[in-house]
């Protein structure tokens, strides 16, 4: 099983919209992916943190896939790529880790 975790910091404003609006849109787009992209076992999106993080993190994606091949297929799936296009337009920083359990 593969865990795929991504953390982003958003720009204060992008596309003429404030961070809060872009954050809500990004969360909604990510949460819709399991119904559109096969192979996602679990997907969670969090936008609130109990403690301040350093560096700051605005949104976290936690996903589980059965194997590396499914994660690779997810990464290039057209529906995922639509979300990636939006994310790239609003994100200032990205951190990612993939690991096998």
Protein backbone atom coordinates (compact mmCIF):
# COMPACT_ATOMS: atom_id res chain seq x y z
CA UNK A 1 0.00 0.00 0.00
CA UNK A 2 1.22 3.51 -0.84
CA UNK A 3 0.60 6.67 1.19
CA UNK A 4 0.76 9.95 -0.74
CA UNK A 5 0.82 13.12 1.36
CA UNK A 6 1.02 16.62 -0.08
CA UNK A 7 1.15 19.92 1.82
CA UNK A 8 0.68 23.33 0.22
CA UNK A 9 0.95 26.98 1.14
CA UNK A 10 -1.28 29.18 -1.00
CA UNK A 11 -0.61 32.64 -2.36
CA UNK A 12 -2.45 35.41 -0.49
CA UNK A 13 -4.28 36.17 -3.72
CA UNK A 14 -4.38 34.42 -7.10
CA UNK A 15 -6.63 34.78 -10.11
CA UNK A 16 -8.18 37.85 -8.53
CA UNK A 17 -9.48 35.77 -5.61
CA UNK A 18 -8.39 35.78 -1.96
CA UNK A 19 -6.63 32.82 -0.37
CA UNK A 20 -9.74 31.68 1.53
CA UNK A 21 -11.76 31.35 -1.67
CA UNK A 22 -9.00 29.52 -3.53
CA UNK A 23 -8.52 27.25 -0.53
CA UNK A 24 -12.21 26.29 -0.54
CA UNK A 25 -12.13 25.64 -4.30
CA UNK A 26 -8.97 23.54 -4.02
CA UNK A 27 -10.45 21.45 -1.18
CA UNK A 28 -13.62 20.82 -3.18
CA UNK A 29 -11.70 19.82 -6.33
CA UNK A 30 -9.45 17.42 -4.41
CA UNK A 31 -12.35 15.80 -2.53
CA UNK A 32 -14.13 15.09 -5.84
CA UNK A 33 -11.22 13.04 -7.25
CA UNK A 34 -12.10 9.60 -5.78
CA UNK A 35 -15.32 9.55 -7.83
CA UNK A 36 -13.43 10.48 -10.99
CA UNK A 37 -10.08 8.68 -10.74
CA UNK A 38 -9.96 4.92 -10.15
CA UNK A 39 -7.71 3.32 -7.56
CA UNK A 40 -7.97 5.82 -4.71
CA UNK A 41 -8.53 3.80 -1.54
CA UNK A 42 -8.75 6.75 0.81
CA UNK A 43 -8.54 10.53 0.39
CA UNK A 44 -8.67 13.20 3.10
CA UNK A 45 -8.20 16.95 2.77
CA UNK A 46 -7.52 19.13 5.80
CA UNK A 47 -7.45 22.91 5.86
CA UNK A 48 -7.30 23.61 9.57
CA UNK A 49 -4.40 23.07 11.92
CA UNK A 50 -4.46 22.95 15.69
CA UNK A 51 -1.00 24.50 15.83
CA UNK A 52 0.93 26.93 13.67
CA UNK A 53 3.26 25.08 11.32
CA UNK A 54 6.69 26.18 10.16
CA UNK A 55 6.83 26.67 7.28
CA UNK A 56 3.13 27.60 7.12
CA UNK A 57 0.82 25.01 5.60
CA UNK A 58 -2.68 25.90 4.40
CA UNK A 59 -3.94 22.57 3.10
CA UNK A 60 -2.94 18.90 3.32
CA UNK A 61 -3.90 15.98 1.09
CA UNK A 62 -3.63 12.45 2.50
CA UNK A 63 -4.28 9.62 0.04
CA UNK A 64 -3.86 5.87 -0.04
CA UNK A 65 -3.31 3.72 -3.13
CA UNK A 66 -2.96 -0.05 -3.47
CA UNK A 67 0.42 0.15 -5.24
CA UNK A 68 2.95 2.37 -7.00
CA UNK A 69 1.43 1.75 -10.43
CA UNK A 70 -1.97 3.04 -9.30
CA UNK A 71 -0.37 6.18 -7.83
CA UNK A 72 1.49 6.74 -11.12
CA UNK A 73 -1.77 6.32 -13.08
CA UNK A 74 -3.51 8.77 -10.72
CA UNK A 75 -0.73 11.33 -11.22
CA UNK A 76 -1.33 11.54 -14.98
CA UNK A 77 -5.09 10.93 -15.06
CA UNK A 78 -6.87 13.75 -16.98
CA UNK A 79 -9.23 14.55 -14.07
CA UNK A 80 -6.29 14.83 -11.68
CA UNK A 81 -4.41 16.99 -14.18
CA UNK A 82 -7.34 19.47 -14.25
CA UNK A 83 -7.01 19.85 -10.48
CA UNK A 84 -3.23 20.17 -10.75
CA UNK A 85 -3.66 23.00 -13.25
CA UNK A 86 -5.79 24.97 -10.77
CA UNK A 87 -3.48 24.17 -7.85
CA UNK A 88 -0.40 25.40 -9.71
CA UNK A 89 -2.13 28.73 -10.27
CA UNK A 90 -2.83 29.36 -6.56
CA UNK A 91 0.04 27.67 -4.71
CA UNK A 92 3.19 29.35 -3.44
CA UNK A 93 4.87 26.24 -1.99
CA UNK A 94 4.41 22.46 -2.16
CA UNK A 95 5.84 19.58 -0.16
CA UNK A 96 5.18 15.90 -0.89
CA UNK A 97 6.09 12.50 0.44
CA UNK A 98 5.18 9.05 -0.85
CA UNK A 99 5.94 5.94 1.16
CA UNK A 100 5.07 2.27 1.18
CA UNK A 101 3.54 0.47 4.14
